[in-house]
């Protein structure tokens, strides 16, 4: 309620210290404020039971209250209405190149590599509200799933729909996945262009050499972050198809061409990461998110509403009431 309530000149509150001093002085001198008459005996006078002599001290209380309100008014109480406008001063265009080969169904990440990636990538996309993002998926061949766009709802929907499909030629065409991503982002006018390429295997398909694709990325000023996903050693992976059409799983050795991924990242000014479990994959995307920050300029507009006027009016009313009481009802006691 009082989050936007401030005082422009709070140093005036020191004057409030004078009020209790004035109160002590008043009650110490109260017997000397009235005229006194000494008599040898008051037996002939009727005892006065009026409460007015006691209530007259309320006049001093009213004056103290008025002074307190005036001091608070001098401190300039006001409410502040803050409106904020943010503008991106440097946009980033990002393409997520996702391996969708059958090996991405391996269950060393939970529930499998592909689903774990989709969950983490979804949070990554939600955390980039000012950037444009596109999706490329590849296996033995590659294609653009979603062109770069600022519509996060479209990107998230497309990401959710990504799944292994037997329509794509099996294999892992890293070079083609990277080349398609470069082609998708090369004409971007953004000041920063980034590709995040994820794979769990070695380049064993396609007709484009990954090194050639990385050189194209350098030519167009595109930075590539590479991620090798898969645990160390053996992983429960698809090894065949059962008569009912489901995959048959068995333990297979995890093979990732880390040297190639490191070279691609190094050549383009990016960085290589290895995700051996769900937590590590999540940490990788958080690190990339921190490395590729969009510069945002924030403008704040302050609208001040002064509230001292009402306090002055109330204090003036109280002083006027004190004067009227002093020279009317309590006149005989002053």
C-alpha atoms as a PDB file:
ATOM      1  CA  UNK A   1       0.000   0.000   0.000  1.00  0.00           C
ATOM      2  CA  UNK A   2       2.826   2.419   0.916  1.00  0.00           C
ATOM      3  CA  UNK A   3       5.395   1.122  -1.561  1.00  0.00           C
ATOM      4  CA  UNK A   4       5.179   4.312  -3.660  1.00  0.00           C
ATOM      5  CA  UNK A   5       4.801   6.708  -0.706  1.00  0.00           C
ATOM      6  CA  UNK A   6       7.883   8.873  -0.056  1.00  0.00           C
ATOM      7  CA  UNK A   7       8.966  12.127   1.649  1.00  0.00           C
ATOM      8  CA  UNK A   8      10.942  14.653  -0.392  1.00  0.00           C
ATOM      9  CA  UNK A   9      12.381  16.465   2.679  1.00  0.00           C
ATOM     10  CA  UNK A  10      12.450  13.933   5.535  1.00  0.00           C
ATOM     11  CA  UNK A  11      14.992  16.007   7.516  1.00  0.00           C
ATOM     12  CA  UNK A  12      12.097  18.191   8.752  1.00  0.00           C
ATOM     13  CA  UNK A  13      10.997  15.255  10.929  1.00  0.00           C
ATOM     14  CA  UNK A  14      13.677  16.332  13.396  1.00  0.00           C
ATOM     15  CA  UNK A  15      11.332  19.185  14.369  1.00  0.00           C
ATOM     16  CA  UNK A  16       8.963  16.589  15.869  1.00  0.00           C
ATOM     17  CA  UNK A  17      11.458  16.271  18.727  1.00  0.00           C
ATOM     18  CA  UNK A  18      10.370  19.736  19.882  1.00  0.00           C
ATOM     19  CA  UNK A  19       6.767  18.634  20.462  1.00  0.00           C
ATOM     20  CA  UNK A  20       7.356  16.381  23.511  1.00  0.00           C
ATOM     21  CA  UNK A  21       9.688  19.072  24.906  1.00  0.00           C
ATOM     22  CA  UNK A  22       6.895  21.616  24.515  1.00  0.00           C
ATOM     23  CA  UNK A  23       4.453  19.211  26.207  1.00  0.00           C
ATOM     24  CA  UNK A  24       6.750  18.759  29.222  1.00  0.00           C
ATOM     25  CA  UNK A  25       7.249  22.511  29.476  1.00  0.00           C
ATOM     26  CA  UNK A  26       3.499  23.131  29.279  1.00  0.00           C
ATOM     27  CA  UNK A  27       2.580  20.741  32.102  1.00  0.00           C
ATOM     28  CA  UNK A  28       5.467  21.988  34.231  1.00  0.00           C
ATOM     29  CA  UNK A  29       4.245  25.588  33.924  1.00  0.00           C
ATOM     30  CA  UNK A  30       0.501  24.870  33.859  1.00  0.00           C
ATOM     31  CA  UNK A  31      -0.150  26.161  37.436  1.00  0.00           C
ATOM     32  CA  UNK A  32       1.376  29.522  36.529  1.00  0.00           C
ATOM     33  CA  UNK A  33      -0.773  30.026  33.453  1.00  0.00           C
ATOM     34  CA  UNK A  34      -3.825  31.097  35.493  1.00  0.00           C
ATOM     35  CA  UNK A  35      -4.274  34.013  37.868  1.00  0.00           C
ATOM     36  CA  UNK A  36      -4.483  33.017  41.534  1.00  0.00           C
ATOM     37  CA  UNK A  37      -6.257  34.606  44.516  1.00  0.00           C
ATOM     38  CA  UNK A  38      -5.331  33.868  48.086  1.00  0.00           C
ATOM     39  CA  UNK A  39      -8.186  33.813  50.649  1.00  0.00           C
ATOM     40  CA  UNK A  40      -8.257  32.918  54.286  1.00  0.00           C
ATOM     41  CA  UNK A  41     -11.276  30.649  53.824  1.00  0.00           C
ATOM     42  CA  UNK A  42     -13.435  29.322  50.942  1.00  0.00           C
ATOM     43  CA  UNK A  43     -16.193  27.878  53.087  1.00  0.00           C
ATOM     44  CA  UNK A  44     -18.641  30.456  51.784  1.00  0.00           C
ATOM     45  CA  UNK A  45     -18.118  29.421  48.179  1.00  0.00           C
ATOM     46  CA  UNK A  46     -19.925  26.582  46.475  1.00  0.00           C
ATOM     47  CA  UNK A  47     -17.532  23.966  45.187  1.00  0.00           C
ATOM     48  CA  UNK A  48     -17.112  24.104  41.368  1.00  0.00           C
ATOM     49  CA  UNK A  49     -17.552  20.652  39.828  1.00  0.00           C
ATOM     50  CA  UNK A  50     -17.183  21.770  36.171  1.00  0.00           C
ATOM     51  CA  UNK A  51     -14.925  19.679  33.895  1.00  0.00           C
ATOM     52  CA  UNK A  52     -14.056  22.672  31.722  1.00  0.00           C
ATOM     53  CA  UNK A  53     -10.879  23.511  33.656  1.00  0.00           C
ATOM     54  CA  UNK A  54      -9.590  20.038  32.830  1.00  0.00           C
ATOM     55  CA  UNK A  55     -10.729  20.073  29.217  1.00  0.00           C
ATOM     56  CA  UNK A  56      -8.919  23.330  28.545  1.00  0.00           C
ATOM     57  CA  UNK A  57      -5.668  21.326  28.330  1.00  0.00           C
ATOM     58  CA  UNK A  58      -7.139  19.853  25.172  1.00  0.00           C
ATOM     59  CA  UNK A  59      -6.461  23.207  23.492  1.00  0.00           C
ATOM     60  CA  UNK A  60      -2.749  22.634  23.878  1.00  0.00           C
ATOM     61  CA  UNK A  61      -3.127  19.112  22.511  1.00  0.00           C
ATOM     62  CA  UNK A  62      -4.915  20.509  19.460  1.00  0.00           C
ATOM     63  CA  UNK A  63      -2.097  22.992  18.913  1.00  0.00           C
ATOM     64  CA  UNK A  64       0.518  20.239  19.147  1.00  0.00           C
ATOM     65  CA  UNK A  65      -1.455  18.132  16.691  1.00  0.00           C
ATOM     66  CA  UNK A  66      -1.652  21.040  14.231  1.00  0.00           C
ATOM     67  CA  UNK A  67       2.087  21.652  14.545  1.00  0.00           C
ATOM     68  CA  UNK A  68       2.802  17.950  13.984  1.00  0.00           C
ATOM     69  CA  UNK A  69       0.723  18.003  10.795  1.00  0.00           C
ATOM     70  CA  UNK A  70       2.530  21.115   9.586  1.00  0.00           C
ATOM     71  CA  UNK A  71       5.925  19.492  10.195  1.00  0.00           C
ATOM     72  CA  UNK A  72       4.825  16.399   8.244  1.00  0.00           C
ATOM     73  CA  UNK A  73       3.605  18.676   5.458  1.00  0.00           C
ATOM     74  CA  UNK A  74       7.031  20.381   5.400  1.00  0.00           C
ATOM     75  CA  UNK A  75       8.575  16.932   4.811  1.00  0.00           C
ATOM     76  CA  UNK A  76       6.691  16.861   1.460  1.00  0.00           C
ATOM     77  CA  UNK A  77       4.800  13.552   1.499  1.00  0.00           C
ATOM     78  CA  UNK A  78       4.033  12.341  -2.003  1.00  0.00           C
ATOM     79  CA  UNK A  79       3.108   9.265  -3.969  1.00  0.00           C
ATOM     80  CA  UNK A  80       5.085   8.194  -7.002  1.00  0.00           C
ATOM     81  CA  UNK A  81       3.625   6.520 -10.066  1.00  0.00           C
ATOM     82  CA  UNK A  82       6.387   4.801 -12.053  1.00  0.00           C
ATOM     83  CA  UNK A  83       5.871   3.655 -15.632  1.00  0.00           C
ATOM     84  CA  UNK A  84       8.578   1.671 -17.399  1.00  0.00           C
ATOM     85  CA  UNK A  85       9.360   1.325 -21.076  1.00  0.00           C
ATOM     86  CA  UNK A  86      12.008  -1.089 -22.324  1.00  0.00           C
ATOM     87  CA  UNK A  87      13.580  -1.180 -25.742  1.00  0.00           C
ATOM     88  CA  UNK A  88      16.057  -3.694 -27.114  1.00  0.00           C
ATOM     89  CA  UNK A  89      19.212  -1.985 -28.260  1.00  0.00           C
ATOM     90  CA  UNK A  90      20.798  -5.137 -29.621  1.00  0.00           C
ATOM     91  CA  UNK A  91      18.736  -8.001 -31.044  1.00  0.00           C
ATOM     92  CA  UNK A  92      19.902 -11.591 -31.236  1.00  0.00           C
ATOM     93  CA  UNK A  93      18.695 -14.119 -33.795  1.00  0.00           C
ATOM     94  CA  UNK A  94      19.060 -17.742 -32.704  1.00  0.00           C
ATOM     95  CA  UNK A  95      18.592 -21.008 -34.581  1.00  0.00           C
ATOM     96  CA  UNK A  96      18.284 -24.253 -32.629  1.00  0.00           C
ATOM     97  CA  UNK A  97      19.596 -27.134 -34.761  1.00  0.00           C
ATOM     98  CA  UNK A  98      18.245 -30.364 -33.254  1.00  0.00           C
ATOM     99  CA  UNK A  99      19.352 -33.905 -34.047  1.00  0.00           C
ATOM    100  CA  UNK A 100      16.247 -36.107 -34.437  1.00  0.00           C
ATOM    101  CA  UNK A 101      17.949 -39.364 -35.419  1.00  0.00           C
ATOM    102  CA  UNK A 102      16.797 -42.616 -33.818  1.00  0.00           C
ATOM    103  CA  UNK A 103      19.669 -42.528 -31.315  1.00  0.00           C
ATOM    104  CA  UNK A 104      18.065 -39.424 -29.740  1.00  0.00           C
ATOM    105  CA  UNK A 105      15.498 -41.838 -28.273  1.00  0.00           C
ATOM    106  CA  UNK A 106      18.208 -43.323 -26.028  1.00  0.00           C
ATOM    107  CA  UNK A 107      17.148 -43.401 -22.388  1.00  0.00           C
ATOM    108  CA  UNK A 108      20.313 -42.277 -20.630  1.00  0.00           C
ATOM    109  CA  UNK A 109      18.520 -38.938 -20.204  1.00  0.00           C
ATOM    110  CA  UNK A 110      14.969 -39.075 -18.841  1.00  0.00           C
ATOM    111  CA  UNK A 111      12.581 -39.951 -20.390  1.00  0.00           C
ATOM    112  CA  UNK A 112      14.895 -39.907 -23.422  1.00  0.00           C
ATOM    113  CA  UNK A 113      17.412 -37.530 -24.984  1.00  0.00           C
ATOM    114  CA  UNK A 114      14.962 -35.847 -27.334  1.00  0.00           C
ATOM    115  CA  UNK A 115      12.238 -35.223 -24.753  1.00  0.00           C
ATOM    116  CA  UNK A 116      14.787 -33.952 -22.234  1.00  0.00           C
ATOM    117  CA  UNK A 117      16.104 -31.539 -24.863  1.00  0.00           C
ATOM    118  CA  UNK A 118      12.622 -30.292 -25.760  1.00  0.00           C
ATOM    119  CA  UNK A 119      11.837 -29.539 -22.120  1.00  0.00           C
ATOM    120  CA  UNK A 120      15.065 -27.588 -21.547  1.00  0.00           C
ATOM    121  CA  UNK A 121      14.917 -25.792 -24.919  1.00  0.00           C
ATOM    122  CA  UNK A 122      11.337 -24.734 -24.160  1.00  0.00           C
ATOM    123  CA  UNK A 123      12.464 -22.922 -20.991  1.00  0.00           C
ATOM    124  CA  UNK A 124      15.344 -21.382 -22.919  1.00  0.00           C
ATOM    125  CA  UNK A 125      12.963 -19.982 -25.551  1.00  0.00           C
ATOM    126  CA  UNK A 126      10.604 -18.581 -22.905  1.00  0.00           C
ATOM    127  CA  UNK A 127      13.553 -16.776 -21.341  1.00  0.00           C
ATOM    128  CA  UNK A 128      14.392 -14.918 -24.592  1.00  0.00           C
ATOM    129  CA  UNK A 129      11.339 -12.645 -25.013  1.00  0.00           C
ATOM    130  CA  UNK A 130      13.119 -10.001 -27.115  1.00  0.00           C
ATOM    131  CA  UNK A 131      14.979 -12.329 -29.507  1.00  0.00           C
ATOM    132  CA  UNK A 132      13.944 -14.063 -32.711  1.00  0.00           C
ATOM    133  CA  UNK A 133      14.302 -17.846 -32.714  1.00  0.00           C
ATOM    134  CA  UNK A 134      14.069 -20.507 -35.414  1.00  0.00           C
ATOM    135  CA  UNK A 135      14.205 -24.319 -35.459  1.00  0.00           C
ATOM    136  CA  UNK A 136      16.081 -26.704 -37.748  1.00  0.00           C
ATOM    137  CA  UNK A 137      15.869 -30.461 -37.378  1.00  0.00           C
ATOM    138  CA  UNK A 138      18.130 -33.010 -38.991  1.00  0.00           C
ATOM    139  CA  UNK A 139      18.944 -36.695 -39.100  1.00  0.00           C
ATOM    140  CA  UNK A 140      20.310 -38.131 -42.371  1.00  0.00           C
ATOM    141  CA  UNK A 141      19.036 -34.944 -44.026  1.00  0.00           C
ATOM    142  CA  UNK A 142      17.836 -31.598 -42.691  1.00  0.00           C
ATOM    143  CA  UNK A 143      15.061 -29.036 -43.077  1.00  0.00           C
ATOM    144  CA  UNK A 144      13.764 -25.879 -41.428  1.00  0.00           C
ATOM    145  CA  UNK A 145      11.032 -26.579 -38.915  1.00  0.00           C
ATOM    146  CA  UNK A 146      10.365 -22.902 -38.119  1.00  0.00           C
ATOM    147  CA  UNK A 147      11.969 -19.797 -39.682  1.00  0.00           C
ATOM    148  CA  UNK A 148      13.357 -17.254 -37.230  1.00  0.00           C
ATOM    149  CA  UNK A 149      10.447 -15.406 -35.672  1.00  0.00           C
ATOM    150  CA  UNK A 150       9.639 -13.310 -32.626  1.00  0.00           C
ATOM    151  CA  UNK A 151       6.376 -15.238 -32.127  1.00  0.00           C
ATOM    152  CA  UNK A 152       7.365 -17.516 -29.249  1.00  0.00           C
ATOM    153  CA  UNK A 153       4.015 -19.317 -29.301  1.00  0.00           C
ATOM    154  CA  UNK A 154       4.757 -20.568 -32.829  1.00  0.00           C
ATOM    155  CA  UNK A 155       8.293 -21.644 -31.914  1.00  0.00           C
ATOM    156  CA  UNK A 156       7.159 -23.446 -28.767  1.00  0.00           C
ATOM    157  CA  UNK A 157       4.383 -25.224 -30.658  1.00  0.00           C
ATOM    158  CA  UNK A 158       6.843 -26.357 -33.352  1.00  0.00           C
ATOM    159  CA  UNK A 159       9.322 -27.518 -30.727  1.00  0.00           C
ATOM    160  CA  UNK A 160       6.624 -29.590 -29.048  1.00  0.00           C
ATOM    161  CA  UNK A 161       5.826 -31.276 -32.362  1.00  0.00           C
ATOM    162  CA  UNK A 162       9.432 -32.314 -33.031  1.00  0.00           C
ATOM    163  CA  UNK A 163       9.781 -36.080 -32.813  1.00  0.00           C
ATOM    164  CA  UNK A 164      11.637 -38.939 -34.425  1.00  0.00           C
ATOM    165  CA  UNK A 165      10.234 -39.677 -37.852  1.00  0.00           C
ATOM    166  CA  UNK A 166      11.104 -42.640 -40.076  1.00  0.00           C
ATOM    167  CA  UNK A 167      10.418 -40.360 -43.044  1.00  0.00           C
ATOM    168  CA  UNK A 168      13.843 -38.778 -42.606  1.00  0.00           C
ATOM    169  CA  UNK A 169      16.824 -40.794 -43.797  1.00  0.00           C
ATOM    170  CA  UNK A 170      18.459 -42.351 -40.758  1.00  0.00           C
ATOM    171  CA  UNK A 171      21.903 -41.168 -39.769  1.00  0.00           C
ATOM    172  CA  UNK A 172      23.427 -37.965 -38.420  1.00  0.00           C
ATOM    173  CA  UNK A 173      24.198 -35.301 -41.016  1.00  0.00           C
ATOM    174  CA  UNK A 174      25.859 -32.694 -38.784  1.00  0.00           C
ATOM    175  CA  UNK A 175      27.197 -30.788 -41.791  1.00  0.00           C
ATOM    176  CA  UNK A 176      23.774 -30.507 -43.409  1.00  0.00           C
ATOM    177  CA  UNK A 177      22.099 -29.523 -40.142  1.00  0.00           C
ATOM    178  CA  UNK A 178      24.643 -26.755 -39.651  1.00  0.00           C
ATOM    179  CA  UNK A 179      24.489 -25.640 -43.290  1.00  0.00           C
ATOM    180  CA  UNK A 180      20.680 -25.405 -43.201  1.00  0.00           C
ATOM    181  CA  UNK A 181      20.898 -23.339 -40.018  1.00  0.00           C
ATOM    182  CA  UNK A 182      23.476 -21.017 -41.583  1.00  0.00           C
ATOM    183  CA  UNK A 183      21.290 -20.596 -44.667  1.00  0.00           C
ATOM    184  CA  UNK A 184      18.310 -19.774 -42.491  1.00  0.00           C
ATOM    185  CA  UNK A 185      20.070 -17.046 -40.478  1.00  0.00           C
ATOM    186  CA  UNK A 186      22.749 -15.673 -42.835  1.00  0.00           C
ATOM    187  CA  UNK A 187      20.596 -12.831 -44.200  1.00  0.00           C
ATOM    188  CA  UNK A 188      19.502 -11.692 -40.756  1.00  0.00           C
ATOM    189  CA  UNK A 189      19.995  -7.990 -39.970  1.00  0.00           C
ATOM    190  CA  UNK A 190      20.456  -8.709 -36.253  1.00  0.00           C
ATOM    191  CA  UNK A 191      23.660  -7.481 -34.651  1.00  0.00           C
ATOM    192  CA  UNK A 192      24.279 -10.958 -33.228  1.00  0.00           C
ATOM    193  CA  UNK A 193      23.569 -14.288 -34.952  1.00  0.00           C
ATOM    194  CA  UNK A 194      23.814 -17.574 -33.050  1.00  0.00           C
ATOM    195  CA  UNK A 195      23.328 -21.268 -33.830  1.00  0.00           C
ATOM    196  CA  UNK A 196      22.961 -23.848 -31.059  1.00  0.00           C
ATOM    197  CA  UNK A 197      23.698 -27.231 -32.643  1.00  0.00           C
ATOM    198  CA  UNK A 198      22.923 -30.369 -30.659  1.00  0.00           C
ATOM    199  CA  UNK A 199      23.816 -33.931 -31.614  1.00  0.00           C
ATOM    200  CA  UNK A 200      24.408 -37.274 -29.959  1.00  0.00           C
ATOM    201  CA  UNK A 201      26.517 -38.969 -32.626  1.00  0.00           C
ATOM    202  CA  UNK A 202      29.084 -38.621 -35.366  1.00  0.00           C
ATOM    203  CA  UNK A 203      28.738 -37.164 -38.842  1.00  0.00           C
ATOM    204  CA  UNK A 204      27.849 -40.236 -40.914  1.00  0.00           C
ATOM    205  CA  UNK A 205      25.380 -38.919 -43.492  1.00  0.00           C
ATOM    206  CA  UNK A 206      24.743 -36.000 -45.818  1.00  0.00           C
ATOM    207  CA  UNK A 207      26.833 -34.478 -48.579  1.00  0.00           C
ATOM    208  CA  UNK A 208      28.090 -31.324 -46.804  1.00  0.00           C
ATOM    209  CA  UNK A 209      31.296 -31.450 -44.782  1.00  0.00           C
ATOM    210  CA  UNK A 210      30.734 -29.968 -41.275  1.00  0.00           C
ATOM    211  CA  UNK A 211      34.017 -28.037 -41.579  1.00  0.00           C
ATOM    212  CA  UNK A 212      32.792 -26.390 -44.771  1.00  0.00           C
ATOM    213  CA  UNK A 213      29.531 -25.503 -43.041  1.00  0.00           C
ATOM    214  CA  UNK A 214      31.431 -23.962 -40.115  1.00  0.00           C
ATOM    215  CA  UNK A 215      33.497 -21.865 -42.536  1.00  0.00           C
ATOM    216  CA  UNK A 216      30.243 -20.577 -44.020  1.00  0.00           C
ATOM    217  CA  UNK A 217      29.129 -19.618 -40.532  1.00  0.00           C
ATOM    218  CA  UNK A 218      32.357 -17.651 -40.039  1.00  0.00           C
ATOM    219  CA  UNK A 219      31.859 -15.879 -43.362  1.00  0.00           C
ATOM    220  CA  UNK A 220      28.424 -14.640 -42.292  1.00  0.00           C
ATOM    221  CA  UNK A 221      29.487 -13.732 -38.757  1.00  0.00           C
ATOM    222  CA  UNK A 222      27.528 -16.537 -37.088  1.00  0.00           C
ATOM    223  CA  UNK A 223      28.603 -17.971 -33.753  1.00  0.00           C
ATOM    224  CA  UNK A 224      27.962 -21.688 -33.186  1.00  0.00           C
ATOM    225  CA  UNK A 225      27.533 -23.323 -29.782  1.00  0.00           C
ATOM    226  CA  UNK A 226      27.760 -27.122 -30.038  1.00  0.00           C
ATOM    227  CA  UNK A 227      26.310 -29.617 -27.559  1.00  0.00           C
ATOM    228  CA  UNK A 228      27.144 -33.305 -27.425  1.00  0.00           C
ATOM    229  CA  UNK A 229      24.359 -35.119 -25.599  1.00  0.00           C
ATOM    230  CA  UNK A 230      24.758 -38.599 -24.109  1.00  0.00           C
ATOM    231  CA  UNK A 231      26.175 -40.284 -21.039  1.00  0.00           C
ATOM    232  CA  UNK A 232      29.676 -41.704 -20.880  1.00  0.00           C
ATOM    233  CA  UNK A 233      29.976 -45.409 -21.663  1.00  0.00           C
ATOM    234  CA  UNK A 234      26.882 -47.416 -22.579  1.00  0.00           C
ATOM    235  CA  UNK A 235      23.318 -46.217 -23.060  1.00  0.00           C
ATOM    236  CA  UNK A 236      19.995 -47.991 -23.574  1.00  0.00           C
ATOM    237  CA  UNK A 237      19.333 -47.151 -27.248  1.00  0.00           C
ATOM    238  CA  UNK A 238      17.134 -48.351 -30.146  1.00  0.00           C
ATOM    239  CA  UNK A 239      18.818 -51.287 -31.889  1.00  0.00           C
ATOM    240  CA  UNK A 240      15.962 -52.541 -34.043  1.00  0.00           C
ATOM    241  CA  UNK A 241      12.235 -52.515 -34.743  1.00  0.00           C
ATOM    242  CA  UNK A 242       9.873 -55.137 -33.334  1.00  0.00           C
ATOM    243  CA  UNK A 243       7.071 -56.690 -35.442  1.00  0.00           C
ATOM    244  CA  UNK A 244       4.565 -54.370 -33.754  1.00  0.00           C
ATOM    245  CA  UNK A 245       6.499 -51.332 -35.005  1.00  0.00           C
ATOM    246  CA  UNK A 246       8.000 -50.365 -31.653  1.00  0.00           C
ATOM    247  CA  UNK A 247      11.721 -49.990 -31.097  1.00  0.00           C
ATOM    248  CA  UNK A 248      13.741 -52.755 -29.551  1.00  0.00           C
ATOM    249  CA  UNK A 249      16.193 -51.354 -27.023  1.00  0.00           C
ATOM    250  CA  UNK A 250      19.635 -52.575 -26.068  1.00  0.00           C
ATOM    251  CA  UNK A 251      22.842 -51.190 -24.573  1.00  0.00           C
ATOM    252  CA  UNK A 252      25.086 -49.469 -27.076  1.00  0.00           C
ATOM    253  CA  UNK A 253      28.303 -47.528 -26.715  1.00  0.00           C
ATOM    254  CA  UNK A 254      27.827 -43.765 -26.782  1.00  0.00           C
ATOM    255  CA  UNK A 255      29.851 -42.296 -29.631  1.00  0.00           C
ATOM    256  CA  UNK A 256      30.050 -38.535 -30.045  1.00  0.00           C
ATOM    257  CA  UNK A 257      32.541 -36.826 -32.331  1.00  0.00           C
ATOM    258  CA  UNK A 258      33.636 -34.350 -29.684  1.00  0.00           C
ATOM    259  CA  UNK A 259      36.708 -33.270 -31.626  1.00  0.00           C
ATOM    260  CA  UNK A 260      34.532 -32.184 -34.550  1.00  0.00           C
ATOM    261  CA  UNK A 261      32.081 -30.340 -32.301  1.00  0.00           C
ATOM    262  CA  UNK A 262      34.925 -28.586 -30.496  1.00  0.00           C
ATOM    263  CA  UNK A 263      36.448 -27.545 -33.825  1.00  0.00           C
ATOM    264  CA  UNK A 264      33.145 -26.141 -35.105  1.00  0.00           C
ATOM    265  CA  UNK A 265      32.660 -24.132 -31.908  1.00  0.00           C
ATOM    266  CA  UNK A 266      36.258 -22.891 -31.857  1.00  0.00           C
ATOM    267  CA  UNK A 267      36.238 -21.881 -35.528  1.00  0.00           C
ATOM    268  CA  UNK A 268      33.071 -19.808 -35.175  1.00  0.00           C
ATOM    269  CA  UNK A 269      33.881 -18.232 -31.803  1.00  0.00           C
ATOM    270  CA  UNK A 270      31.409 -20.384 -29.886  1.00  0.00           C
ATOM    271  CA  UNK A 271      31.852 -23.007 -27.208  1.00  0.00           C
ATOM    272  CA  UNK A 272      31.456 -26.779 -26.915  1.00  0.00           C
ATOM    273  CA  UNK A 273      29.439 -28.443 -24.138  1.00  0.00           C
ATOM    274  CA  UNK A 274      28.831 -32.045 -23.116  1.00  0.00           C
ATOM    275  CA  UNK A 275      25.501 -33.017 -21.568  1.00  0.00           C
ATOM    276  CA  UNK A 276      25.655 -36.364 -19.801  1.00  0.00           C
ATOM    277  CA  UNK A 277      22.378 -36.007 -17.871  1.00  0.00           C
ATOM    278  CA  UNK A 278      19.260 -33.847 -17.592  1.00  0.00           C
ATOM    279  CA  UNK A 279      20.760 -31.482 -15.030  1.00  0.00           C
ATOM    280  CA  UNK A 280      23.890 -30.904 -17.089  1.00  0.00           C
ATOM    281  CA  UNK A 281      21.809 -30.198 -20.207  1.00  0.00           C
ATOM    282  CA  UNK A 282      19.769 -27.644 -18.269  1.00  0.00           C
ATOM    283  CA  UNK A 283      22.945 -25.988 -16.955  1.00  0.00           C
ATOM    284  CA  UNK A 284      24.357 -25.776 -20.491  1.00  0.00           C
ATOM    285  CA  UNK A 285      21.356 -23.870 -21.815  1.00  0.00           C
ATOM    286  CA  UNK A 286      21.487 -21.563 -18.787  1.00  0.00           C
ATOM    287  CA  UNK A 287      25.151 -20.835 -19.504  1.00  0.00           C
ATOM    288  CA  UNK A 288      24.460 -20.130 -23.168  1.00  0.00           C
ATOM    289  CA  UNK A 289      21.603 -17.897 -22.080  1.00  0.00           C
ATOM    290  CA  UNK A 290      23.999 -15.922 -19.863  1.00  0.00           C
ATOM    291  CA  UNK A 291      26.657 -15.718 -22.588  1.00  0.00           C
ATOM    292  CA  UNK A 292      24.255 -14.386 -25.216  1.00  0.00           C
ATOM    293  CA  UNK A 293      22.437 -11.556 -23.481  1.00  0.00           C
ATOM    294  CA  UNK A 294      20.314  -9.050 -25.346  1.00  0.00           C
ATOM    295  CA  UNK A 295      21.104  -5.486 -24.312  1.00  0.00           C
ATOM    296  CA  UNK A 296      17.907  -3.848 -23.092  1.00  0.00           C
ATOM    297  CA  UNK A 297      17.537  -0.118 -22.458  1.00  0.00           C
ATOM    298  CA  UNK A 298      15.007   0.769 -19.792  1.00  0.00           C
ATOM    299  CA  UNK A 299      13.265   4.128 -19.454  1.00  0.00           C
ATOM    300  CA  UNK A 300      11.409   5.011 -16.264  1.00  0.00           C
ATOM    301  CA  UNK A 301       8.888   7.838 -16.064  1.00  0.00           C
ATOM    302  CA  UNK A 302       8.001   9.239 -12.635  1.00  0.00           C
ATOM    303  CA  UNK A 303       4.729  11.036 -11.927  1.00  0.00           C
ATOM    304  CA  UNK A 304       4.660  12.650  -8.469  1.00  0.00           C
ATOM    305  CA  UNK A 305       1.494  13.552  -6.587  1.00  0.00           C
ATOM    306  CA  UNK A 306       2.094  15.983  -3.697  1.00  0.00           C
ATOM    307  CA  UNK A 307       0.047  15.225  -0.571  1.00  0.00           C
ATOM    308  CA  UNK A 308       1.126  18.057   1.782  1.00  0.00           C
ATOM    309  CA  UNK A 309      -1.741  20.392   0.863  1.00  0.00           C
ATOM    310  CA  UNK A 310      -4.372  18.302   2.630  1.00  0.00           C
ATOM    311  CA  UNK A 311      -2.213  18.171   5.771  1.00  0.00           C
ATOM    312  CA  UNK A 312      -1.872  21.976   5.756  1.00  0.00           C
ATOM    313  CA  UNK A 313      -5.648  22.385   5.409  1.00  0.00           C
ATOM    314  CA  UNK A 314      -6.310  19.979   8.276  1.00  0.00           C
ATOM    315  CA  UNK A 315      -3.704  21.733  10.464  1.00  0.00           C
ATOM    316  CA  UNK A 316      -5.263  25.115   9.645  1.00  0.00           C
ATOM    317  CA  UNK A 317      -8.724  23.814  10.553  1.00  0.00           C
ATOM    318  CA  UNK A 318      -7.437  22.463  13.875  1.00  0.00           C
ATOM    319  CA  UNK A 319      -5.737  25.809  14.717  1.00  0.00           C
ATOM    320  CA  UNK A 320      -8.915  27.697  13.835  1.00  0.00           C
ATOM    321  CA  UNK A 321     -10.962  25.359  16.045  1.00  0.00           C
ATOM    322  CA  UNK A 322      -8.455  25.833  18.884  1.00  0.00           C
ATOM    323  CA  UNK A 323      -8.709  29.631  18.615  1.00  0.00           C
ATOM    324  CA  UNK A 324     -12.516  29.539  18.549  1.00  0.00           C
ATOM    325  CA  UNK A 325     -12.648  27.334  21.648  1.00  0.00           C
ATOM    326  CA  UNK A 326     -10.028  29.481  23.388  1.00  0.00           C
ATOM    327  CA  UNK A 327     -12.035  32.697  22.920  1.00  0.00           C
ATOM    328  CA  UNK A 328     -15.507  31.216  23.437  1.00  0.00           C
ATOM    329  CA  UNK A 329     -16.060  28.217  25.719  1.00  0.00           C
ATOM    330  CA  UNK A 330     -12.699  28.398  27.509  1.00  0.00           C
ATOM    331  CA  UNK A 331     -12.405  32.186  27.543  1.00  0.00           C
ATOM    332  CA  UNK A 332     -12.939  32.495  31.325  1.00  0.00           C
ATOM    333  CA  UNK A 333     -10.135  29.982  31.958  1.00  0.00           C
ATOM    334  CA  UNK A 334      -7.464  31.729  29.882  1.00  0.00           C
END
